[in-house]
Amino acid sequence: MGTQKFEETAGAKVRSTMRWDCAPALIVLLAVVIFWVGGSLQWFALLKIPENAVGNVVWLYFILVAVAGSVVLGGGAAFDLARRVGRHTHFDD
């Protein structure tokens, strides 16, 4: 009887820990998804491209860094979530 209660509380603790551990990766992944949805809906067209050449180059580099950063951060967050979920699902083995 006592062992079963311990296993139930240990399982609940693992589940609650997994929820809090995954929060940063979920937030980053959600932000990346919002960024890409916004880009596909052309939300960035609301920000006017500067008229001069230097402003255009700076703007294009900003977009390049944002896209590359979102790919790296999204991939890292997805990998982290997959690792954490895999580790917690094989906990009972």
PDB file of N, CA and C in Angstrom:
ATOM      1  N   MET A   1       0.826  -1.182   0.000  1.00  0.00           N
ATOM      2  CA  MET A   1       0.000   0.000   0.000  1.00  0.00           C
ATOM      3  C   MET A   1       0.872   1.248   0.000  1.00  0.00           C
ATOM      4  N   GLY A   2       1.898   1.286   0.862  1.00  0.00           N
ATOM      5  CA  GLY A   2       2.775   2.441   0.943  1.00  0.00           C
ATOM      6  C   GLY A   2       3.604   2.634  -0.325  1.00  0.00           C
ATOM      7  N   THR A   3       4.026   1.513  -0.952  1.00  0.00           N
ATOM      8  CA  THR A   3       4.825   1.601  -2.172  1.00  0.00           C
ATOM      9  C   THR A   3       4.015   2.204  -3.304  1.00  0.00           C
ATOM     10  N   GLN A   4       2.738   1.824  -3.400  1.00  0.00           N
ATOM     11  CA  GLN A   4       1.888   2.350  -4.465  1.00  0.00           C
ATOM     12  C   GLN A   4       1.706   3.860  -4.298  1.00  0.00           C
ATOM     13  N   LYS A   5       1.499   4.317  -3.069  1.00  0.00           N
ATOM     14  CA  LYS A   5       1.338   5.756  -2.820  1.00  0.00           C
ATOM     15  C   LYS A   5       2.620   6.497  -3.178  1.00  0.00           C
ATOM     16  N   PHE A   6       3.775   5.913  -2.838  1.00  0.00           N
ATOM     17  CA  PHE A   6       5.051   6.543  -3.179  1.00  0.00           C
ATOM     18  C   PHE A   6       5.210   6.653  -4.690  1.00  0.00           C
ATOM     19  N   GLU A   7       4.852   5.583  -5.421  1.00  0.00           N
ATOM     20  CA  GLU A   7       4.975   5.612  -6.884  1.00  0.00           C
ATOM     21  C   GLU A   7       4.043   6.647  -7.492  1.00  0.00           C
ATOM     22  N   GLU A   8       2.837   6.783  -6.933  1.00  0.00           N
ATOM     23  CA  GLU A   8       1.905   7.785  -7.454  1.00  0.00           C
ATOM     24  C   GLU A   8       2.427   9.191  -7.212  1.00  0.00           C
ATOM     25  N   THR A   9       2.958   9.456  -6.029  1.00  0.00           N
ATOM     26  CA  THR A   9       3.472  10.802  -5.743  1.00  0.00           C
ATOM     27  C   THR A   9       4.748  11.073  -6.536  1.00  0.00           C
ATOM     28  N   ALA A  10       5.577  10.047  -6.738  1.00  0.00           N
ATOM     29  CA  ALA A  10       6.794  10.229  -7.533  1.00  0.00           C
ATOM     30  C   ALA A  10       6.424  10.534  -8.986  1.00  0.00           C
ATOM     31  N   GLY A  11       5.420   9.843  -9.513  1.00  0.00           N
ATOM     32  CA  GLY A  11       4.972  10.105 -10.885  1.00  0.00           C
ATOM     33  C   GLY A  11       4.399  11.498 -11.037  1.00  0.00           C
ATOM     34  N   ALA A  12       3.641  11.939 -10.039  1.00  0.00           N
ATOM     35  CA  ALA A  12       3.078  13.289 -10.085  1.00  0.00           C
ATOM     36  C   ALA A  12       4.190  14.326 -10.006  1.00  0.00           C
ATOM     37  N   LYS A  13       5.208  14.050  -9.207  1.00  0.00           N
ATOM     38  CA  LYS A  13       6.317  14.988  -9.088  1.00  0.00           C
ATOM     39  C   LYS A  13       7.085  15.090 -10.401  1.00  0.00           C
ATOM     40  N   VAL A  14       7.295  13.979 -11.079  1.00  0.00           N
ATOM     41  CA  VAL A  14       7.984  13.988 -12.368  1.00  0.00           C
ATOM     42  C   VAL A  14       7.162  14.772 -13.381  1.00  0.00           C
ATOM     43  N   ARG A  15       5.849  14.565 -13.404  1.00  0.00           N
ATOM     44  CA  ARG A  15       5.006  15.289 -14.357  1.00  0.00           C
ATOM     45  C   ARG A  15       5.018  16.784 -14.089  1.00  0.00           C
ATOM     46  N   SER A  16       4.924  17.197 -12.817  1.00  0.00           N
ATOM     47  CA  SER A  16       4.922  18.625 -12.519  1.00  0.00           C
ATOM     48  C   SER A  16       6.295  19.236 -12.795  1.00  0.00           C
ATOM     49  N   THR A  17       7.368  18.498 -12.518  1.00  0.00           N
ATOM     50  CA  THR A  17       8.704  18.991 -12.822  1.00  0.00           C
ATOM     51  C   THR A  17       8.885  19.127 -14.326  1.00  0.00           C
ATOM     52  N   MET A  18       8.354  18.166 -15.071  1.00  0.00           N
ATOM     53  CA  MET A  18       8.485  18.226 -16.522  1.00  0.00           C
ATOM     54  C   MET A  18       7.768  19.452 -17.064  1.00  0.00           C
ATOM     55  N   ARG A  19       6.614  19.791 -16.501  1.00  0.00           N
ATOM     56  CA  ARG A  19       5.881  20.965 -16.969  1.00  0.00           C
ATOM     57  C   ARG A  19       6.711  22.224 -16.764  1.00  0.00           C
ATOM     58  N   TRP A  20       7.302  22.383 -15.595  1.00  0.00           N
ATOM     59  CA  TRP A  20       8.082  23.596 -15.321  1.00  0.00           C
ATOM     60  C   TRP A  20       9.406  23.596 -16.056  1.00  0.00           C
ATOM     61  N   ASP A  21      10.010  22.446 -16.241  1.00  0.00           N
ATOM     62  CA  ASP A  21      11.274  22.383 -16.968  1.00  0.00           C
ATOM     63  C   ASP A  21      11.096  22.722 -18.446  1.00  0.00           C
ATOM     64  N   CYS A  22       9.968  22.382 -18.998  1.00  0.00           N
ATOM     65  CA  CYS A  22       9.726  22.603 -20.424  1.00  0.00           C
ATOM     66  C   CYS A  22       9.257  24.020 -20.731  1.00  0.00           C
ATOM     67  N   ALA A  23       8.928  24.803 -19.731  1.00  0.00           N
ATOM     68  CA  ALA A  23       8.351  26.133 -19.961  1.00  0.00           C
ATOM     69  C   ALA A  23       9.244  27.041 -20.811  1.00  0.00           C
ATOM     70  N   PRO A  24      10.548  27.175 -20.538  1.00  0.00           N
ATOM     71  CA  PRO A  24      11.361  28.069 -21.375  1.00  0.00           C
ATOM     72  C   PRO A  24      11.409  27.632 -22.841  1.00  0.00           C
ATOM     73  N   ALA A  25      11.548  26.332 -23.071  1.00  0.00           N
ATOM     74  CA  ALA A  25      11.595  25.847 -24.453  1.00  0.00           C
ATOM     75  C   ALA A  25      10.251  26.058 -25.148  1.00  0.00           C
ATOM     76  N   LEU A  26       9.162  25.868 -24.423  1.00  0.00           N
ATOM     77  CA  LEU A  26       7.848  26.105 -25.021  1.00  0.00           C
ATOM     78  C   LEU A  26       7.646  27.578 -25.355  1.00  0.00           C
ATOM     79  N   ILE A  27       8.110  28.470 -24.501  1.00  0.00           N
ATOM     80  CA  ILE A  27       7.976  29.906 -24.752  1.00  0.00           C
ATOM     81  C   ILE A  27       8.787  30.306 -25.979  1.00  0.00           C
ATOM     82  N   VAL A  28      10.011  29.802 -26.078  1.00  0.00           N
ATOM     83  CA  VAL A  28      10.850  30.123 -27.238  1.00  0.00           C
ATOM     84  C   VAL A  28      10.222  29.570 -28.512  1.00  0.00           C
ATOM     85  N   LEU A  29       9.741  28.336 -28.460  1.00  0.00           N
ATOM     86  CA  LEU A  29       9.120  27.739 -29.647  1.00  0.00           C
ATOM     87  C   LEU A  29       7.860  28.502 -30.042  1.00  0.00           C
ATOM     88  N   LEU A  30       7.070  28.932 -29.086  1.00  0.00           N
ATOM     89  CA  LEU A  30       5.883  29.728 -29.383  1.00  0.00           C
ATOM     90  C   LEU A  30       6.261  31.068 -30.012  1.00  0.00           C
ATOM     91  N   ALA A  31       7.301  31.711 -29.497  1.00  0.00           N
ATOM     92  CA  ALA A  31       7.756  32.987 -30.062  1.00  0.00           C
ATOM     93  C   ALA A  31       8.244  32.809 -31.502  1.00  0.00           C
ATOM     94  N   VAL A  32       8.951  31.717 -31.777  1.00  0.00           N
ATOM     95  CA  VAL A  32       9.425  31.453 -33.141  1.00  0.00           C
ATOM     96  C   VAL A  32       8.249  31.207 -34.073  1.00  0.00           C
ATOM     97  N   VAL A  33       7.262  30.458 -33.613  1.00  0.00           N
ATOM     98  CA  VAL A  33       6.081  30.201 -34.447  1.00  0.00           C
ATOM     99  C   VAL A  33       5.344  31.508 -34.725  1.00  0.00           C
ATOM    100  N   ILE A  34       5.185  32.356 -33.716  1.00  0.00           N
ATOM    101  CA  ILE A  34       4.526  33.652 -33.930  1.00  0.00           C
ATOM    102  C   ILE A  34       5.332  34.502 -34.904  1.00  0.00           C
ATOM    103  N   PHE A  35       6.647  34.478 -34.797  1.00  0.00           N
ATOM    104  CA  PHE A  35       7.509  35.224 -35.719  1.00  0.00           C
ATOM    105  C   PHE A  35       7.296  34.772 -37.158  1.00  0.00           C
ATOM    106  N   TRP A  36       7.273  33.455 -37.386  1.00  0.00           N
ATOM    107  CA  TRP A  36       7.120  32.944 -38.742  1.00  0.00           C
ATOM    108  C   TRP A  36       5.707  33.152 -39.272  1.00  0.00           C
ATOM    109  N   VAL A  37       4.709  33.021 -38.421  1.00  0.00           N
ATOM    110  CA  VAL A  37       3.334  33.303 -38.864  1.00  0.00           C
ATOM    111  C   VAL A  37       3.213  34.787 -39.213  1.00  0.00           C
ATOM    112  N   GLY A  38       3.785  35.631 -38.383  1.00  0.00           N
ATOM    113  CA  GLY A  38       3.772  37.062 -38.673  1.00  0.00           C
ATOM    114  C   GLY A  38       4.487  37.393 -39.968  1.00  0.00           C
ATOM    115  N   GLY A  39       5.610  36.733 -40.193  1.00  0.00           N
ATOM    116  CA  GLY A  39       6.336  36.951 -41.449  1.00  0.00           C
ATOM    117  C   GLY A  39       5.551  36.490 -42.655  1.00  0.00           C
ATOM    118  N   SER A  40       4.865  35.369 -42.518  1.00  0.00           N
ATOM    119  CA  SER A  40       4.081  34.873 -43.659  1.00  0.00           C
ATOM    120  C   SER A  40       2.850  35.732 -43.917  1.00  0.00           C
ATOM    121  N   LEU A  41       2.362  36.399 -42.879  1.00  0.00           N
ATOM    122  CA  LEU A  41       1.217  37.306 -43.058  1.00  0.00           C
ATOM    123  C   LEU A  41       1.662  38.731 -43.361  1.00  0.00           C
ATOM    124  N   GLN A  42       2.958  38.908 -43.568  1.00  0.00           N
ATOM    125  CA  GLN A  42       3.559  40.182 -43.942  1.00  0.00           C
ATOM    126  C   GLN A  42       3.358  41.261 -42.884  1.00  0.00           C
ATOM    127  N   TRP A  43       3.488  40.896 -41.635  1.00  0.00           N
ATOM    128  CA  TRP A  43       3.411  41.887 -40.568  1.00  0.00           C
ATOM    129  C   TRP A  43       4.604  42.826 -40.616  1.00  0.00           C
ATOM    130  N   PHE A  44       5.716  42.347 -41.185  1.00  0.00           N
ATOM    131  CA  PHE A  44       6.912  43.176 -41.232  1.00  0.00           C
ATOM    132  C   PHE A  44       6.803  44.264 -42.291  1.00  0.00           C
ATOM    133  N   ALA A  45       5.824  44.176 -43.155  1.00  0.00           N
ATOM    134  CA  ALA A  45       5.596  45.245 -44.126  1.00  0.00           C
ATOM    135  C   ALA A  45       5.079  46.496 -43.423  1.00  0.00           C
ATOM    136  N   LEU A  46       4.571  46.326 -42.215  1.00  0.00           N
ATOM    137  CA  LEU A  46       4.118  47.482 -41.453  1.00  0.00           C
ATOM    138  C   LEU A  46       5.283  48.385 -41.056  1.00  0.00           C
ATOM    139  N   LEU A  47       6.457  47.799 -40.933  1.00  0.00           N
ATOM    140  CA  LEU A  47       7.652  48.582 -40.632  1.00  0.00           C
ATOM    141  C   LEU A  47       8.211  49.071 -41.962  1.00  0.00           C
ATOM    142  N   LYS A  48       8.242  50.360 -42.149  1.00  0.00           N
ATOM    143  CA  LYS A  48       8.685  50.902 -43.431  1.00  0.00           C
ATOM    144  C   LYS A  48      10.173  50.670 -43.637  1.00  0.00           C
ATOM    145  N   ILE A  49      10.506  50.281 -44.853  1.00  0.00           N
ATOM    146  CA  ILE A  49      11.909  50.151 -45.219  1.00  0.00           C
ATOM    147  C   ILE A  49      12.458  51.560 -45.447  1.00  0.00           C
ATOM    148  N   PRO A  50      13.610  51.852 -44.874  1.00  0.00           N
ATOM    149  CA  PRO A  50      14.174  53.191 -45.048  1.00  0.00           C
ATOM    150  C   PRO A  50      14.444  53.520 -46.518  1.00  0.00           C
ATOM    151  N   GLU A  51      14.433  54.791 -46.841  1.00  0.00           N
ATOM    152  CA  GLU A  51      14.593  55.242 -48.225  1.00  0.00           C
ATOM    153  C   GLU A  51      16.053  55.229 -48.690  1.00  0.00           C
ATOM    154  N   ASN A  52      17.009  55.427 -47.794  1.00  0.00           N
ATOM    155  CA  ASN A  52      18.402  55.498 -48.236  1.00  0.00           C
ATOM    156  C   ASN A  52      19.021  54.104 -48.320  1.00  0.00           C
ATOM    157  N   ALA A  53      20.146  54.010 -49.010  1.00  0.00           N
ATOM    158  CA  ALA A  53      20.787  52.720 -49.264  1.00  0.00           C
ATOM    159  C   ALA A  53      21.331  52.095 -47.984  1.00  0.00           C
ATOM    160  N   VAL A  54      21.932  52.880 -47.135  1.00  0.00           N
ATOM    161  CA  VAL A  54      22.494  52.346 -45.895  1.00  0.00           C
ATOM    162  C   VAL A  54      21.374  51.815 -45.004  1.00  0.00           C
ATOM    163  N   GLY A  55      20.269  52.520 -44.943  1.00  0.00           N
ATOM    164  CA  GLY A  55      19.131  52.056 -44.163  1.00  0.00           C
ATOM    165  C   GLY A  55      18.579  50.744 -44.685  1.00  0.00           C
ATOM    166  N   ASN A  56      18.551  50.587 -46.026  1.00  0.00           N
ATOM    167  CA  ASN A  56      18.085  49.334 -46.625  1.00  0.00           C
ATOM    168  C   ASN A  56      19.003  48.173 -46.258  1.00  0.00           C
ATOM    169  N   VAL A  57      20.305  48.398 -46.312  1.00  0.00           N
ATOM    170  CA  VAL A  57      21.264  47.339 -45.985  1.00  0.00           C
ATOM    171  C   VAL A  57      21.143  46.943 -44.516  1.00  0.00           C
ATOM    172  N   VAL A  58      21.032  47.941 -43.645  1.00  0.00           N
ATOM    173  CA  VAL A  58      20.886  47.647 -42.216  1.00  0.00           C
ATOM    174  C   VAL A  58      19.596  46.872 -41.975  1.00  0.00           C
ATOM    175  N   TRP A  59      18.509  47.285 -42.628  1.00  0.00           N
ATOM    176  CA  TRP A  59      17.228  46.597 -42.486  1.00  0.00           C
ATOM    177  C   TRP A  59      17.329  45.152 -42.967  1.00  0.00           C
ATOM    178  N   LEU A  60      17.972  44.908 -44.102  1.00  0.00           N
ATOM    179  CA  LEU A  60      18.110  43.549 -44.628  1.00  0.00           C
ATOM    180  C   LEU A  60      18.973  42.684 -43.713  1.00  0.00           C
ATOM    181  N   TYR A  61      20.025  43.260 -43.155  1.00  0.00           N
ATOM    182  CA  TYR A  61      20.835  42.497 -42.202  1.00  0.00           C
ATOM    183  C   TYR A  61      20.056  42.184 -40.925  1.00  0.00           C
ATOM    184  N   PHE A  62      19.236  43.113 -40.486  1.00  0.00           N
ATOM    185  CA  PHE A  62      18.394  42.872 -39.315  1.00  0.00           C
ATOM    186  C   PHE A  62      17.448  41.696 -39.572  1.00  0.00           C
ATOM    187  N   ILE A  63      16.821  41.690 -40.731  1.00  0.00           N
ATOM    188  CA  ILE A  63      15.908  40.592 -41.089  1.00  0.00           C
ATOM    189  C   ILE A  63      16.679  39.280 -41.210  1.00  0.00           C
ATOM    190  N   LEU A  64      17.867  39.327 -41.811  1.00  0.00           N
ATOM    191  CA  LEU A  64      18.686  38.122 -41.939  1.00  0.00           C
ATOM    192  C   LEU A  64      19.035  37.534 -40.576  1.00  0.00           C
ATOM    193  N   VAL A  65      19.449  38.387 -39.652  1.00  0.00           N
ATOM    194  CA  VAL A  65      19.790  37.926 -38.301  1.00  0.00           C
ATOM    195  C   VAL A  65      18.549  37.380 -37.586  1.00  0.00           C
ATOM    196  N   ALA A  66      17.413  38.045 -37.768  1.00  0.00           N
ATOM    197  CA  ALA A  66      16.175  37.583 -37.120  1.00  0.00           C
ATOM    198  C   ALA A  66      15.754  36.215 -37.654  1.00  0.00           C
ATOM    199  N   VAL A  67      15.845  36.017 -38.957  1.00  0.00           N
ATOM    200  CA  VAL A  67      15.452  34.726 -39.542  1.00  0.00           C
ATOM    201  C   VAL A  67      16.424  33.627 -39.118  1.00  0.00           C
ATOM    202  N   ALA A  68      17.724  33.901 -39.222  1.00  0.00           N
ATOM    203  CA  ALA A  68      18.708  32.885 -38.826  1.00  0.00           C
ATOM    204  C   ALA A  68      18.601  32.572 -37.333  1.00  0.00           C
ATOM    205  N   GLY A  69      18.422  33.597 -36.527  1.00  0.00           N
ATOM    206  CA  GLY A  69      18.269  33.375 -35.092  1.00  0.00           C
ATOM    207  C   GLY A  69      17.030  32.583 -34.749  1.00  0.00           C
ATOM    208  N   SER A  70      15.946  32.844 -35.463  1.00  0.00           N
ATOM    209  CA  SER A  70      14.715  32.105 -35.180  1.00  0.00           C
ATOM    210  C   SER A  70      14.855  30.630 -35.558  1.00  0.00           C
ATOM    211  N   VAL A  71      15.589  30.352 -36.630  1.00  0.00           N
ATOM    212  CA  VAL A  71      15.800  28.954 -37.019  1.00  0.00           C
ATOM    213  C   VAL A  71      16.650  28.232 -35.978  1.00  0.00           C
ATOM    214  N   VAL A  72      17.703  28.883 -35.528  1.00  0.00           N
ATOM    215  CA  VAL A  72      18.582  28.268 -34.517  1.00  0.00           C
ATOM    216  C   VAL A  72      17.842  28.086 -33.195  1.00  0.00           C
ATOM    217  N   LEU A  73      17.154  29.134 -32.745  1.00  0.00           N
ATOM    218  CA  LEU A  73      16.427  29.040 -31.472  1.00  0.00           C
ATOM    219  C   LEU A  73      15.284  28.028 -31.547  1.00  0.00           C
ATOM    220  N   GLY A  74      14.552  28.017 -32.653  1.00  0.00           N
ATOM    221  CA  GLY A  74      13.454  27.057 -32.813  1.00  0.00           C
ATOM    222  C   GLY A  74      13.945  25.624 -32.840  1.00  0.00           C
ATOM    223  N   GLY A  75      15.044  25.393 -33.549  1.00  0.00           N
ATOM    224  CA  GLY A  75      15.621  24.046 -33.586  1.00  0.00           C
ATOM    225  C   GLY A  75      16.118  23.609 -32.220  1.00  0.00           C
ATOM    226  N   GLY A  76      16.771  24.520 -31.517  1.00  0.00           N
ATOM    227  CA  GLY A  76      17.245  24.192 -30.174  1.00  0.00           C
ATOM    228  C   GLY A  76      16.109  23.922 -29.207  1.00  0.00           C
ATOM    229  N   ALA A  77      15.054  24.716 -29.291  1.00  0.00           N
ATOM    230  CA  ALA A  77      13.899  24.511 -28.409  1.00  0.00           C
ATOM    231  C   ALA A  77      13.202  23.188 -28.722  1.00  0.00           C
ATOM    232  N   ALA A  78      13.043  22.880 -30.009  1.00  0.00           N
ATOM    233  CA  ALA A  78      12.398  21.615 -30.389  1.00  0.00           C
ATOM    234  C   ALA A  78      13.241  20.425 -29.931  1.00  0.00           C
ATOM    235  N   PHE A  79      14.556  20.515 -30.088  1.00  0.00           N
ATOM    236  CA  PHE A  79      15.446  19.443 -29.637  1.00  0.00           C
ATOM    237  C   PHE A  79      15.365  19.271 -28.125  1.00  0.00           C
ATOM    238  N   ASP A  80      15.358  20.393 -27.396  1.00  0.00           N
ATOM    239  CA  ASP A  80      15.281  20.339 -25.937  1.00  0.00           C
ATOM    240  C   ASP A  80      13.968  19.715 -25.485  1.00  0.00           C
ATOM    241  N   LEU A  81      12.857  20.104 -26.121  1.00  0.00           N
ATOM    242  CA  LEU A  81      11.562  19.515 -25.757  1.00  0.00           C
ATOM    243  C   LEU A  81      11.532  18.021 -26.045  1.00  0.00           C
ATOM    244  N   ALA A  82      12.051  17.618 -27.215  1.00  0.00           N
ATOM    245  CA  ALA A  82      12.066  16.195 -27.554  1.00  0.00           C
ATOM    246  C   ALA A  82      12.921  15.407 -26.566  1.00  0.00           C
ATOM    247  N   ARG A  83      14.049  15.978 -26.161  1.00  0.00           N
ATOM    248  CA  ARG A  83      14.928  15.311 -25.201  1.00  0.00           C
ATOM    249  C   ARG A  83      14.257  15.170 -23.847  1.00  0.00           C
ATOM    250  N   ARG A  84      13.605  16.239 -23.390  1.00  0.00           N
ATOM    251  CA  ARG A  84      12.955  16.193 -22.075  1.00  0.00           C
ATOM    252  C   ARG A  84      11.764  15.235 -22.068  1.00  0.00           C
ATOM    253  N   VAL A  85      10.956  15.269 -23.113  1.00  0.00           N
ATOM    254  CA  VAL A  85       9.805  14.374 -23.177  1.00  0.00           C
ATOM    255  C   VAL A  85      10.278  12.929 -23.290  1.00  0.00           C
ATOM    256  N   GLY A  86      11.292  12.686 -24.086  1.00  0.00           N
ATOM    257  CA  GLY A  86      11.836  11.327 -24.212  1.00  0.00           C
ATOM    258  C   GLY A  86      12.404  10.815 -22.909  1.00  0.00           C
ATOM    259  N   ARG A  87      13.057  11.689 -22.171  1.00  0.00           N
ATOM    260  CA  ARG A  87      13.653  11.273 -20.896  1.00  0.00           C
ATOM    261  C   ARG A  87      12.555  10.951 -19.875  1.00  0.00           C
ATOM    262  N   HIS A  88      11.473  11.727 -19.867  1.00  0.00           N
ATOM    263  CA  HIS A  88      10.407  11.500 -18.886  1.00  0.00           C
ATOM    264  C   HIS A  88       9.493  10.344 -19.274  1.00  0.00           C
ATOM    265  N   THR A  89       9.359  10.043 -20.551  1.00  0.00           N
ATOM    266  CA  THR A  89       8.504   8.918 -20.928  1.00  0.00           C
ATOM    267  C   THR A  89       9.212   7.592 -20.681  1.00  0.00           C
ATOM    268  N   HIS A  90      10.537   7.564 -20.708  1.00  0.00           N
ATOM    269  CA  HIS A  90      11.277   6.330 -20.458  1.00  0.00           C
ATOM    270  C   HIS A  90      11.678   6.211 -18.998  1.00  0.00           C
ATOM    271  N   PHE A  91      11.136   7.060 -18.144  1.00  0.00           N
ATOM    272  CA  PHE A  91      11.464   7.061 -16.720  1.00  0.00           C
ATOM    273  C   PHE A  91      11.007   5.772 -16.046  1.00  0.00           C
ATOM    274  N   ASP A  92       9.884   5.211 -16.505  1.00  0.00           N
ATOM    275  CA  ASP A  92       9.318   4.042 -15.842  1.00  0.00           C
ATOM    276  C   ASP A  92       9.981   2.733 -16.246  1.00  0.00           C
ATOM    277  N   ASP A  93      10.829   2.724 -17.267  1.00  0.00           N
ATOM    278  CA  ASP A  93      11.446   1.472 -17.749  1.00  0.00           C
ATOM    279  C   ASP A  93      12.362   0.853 -16.736  1.00  0.00           C
TER     280      ASP A  93
END
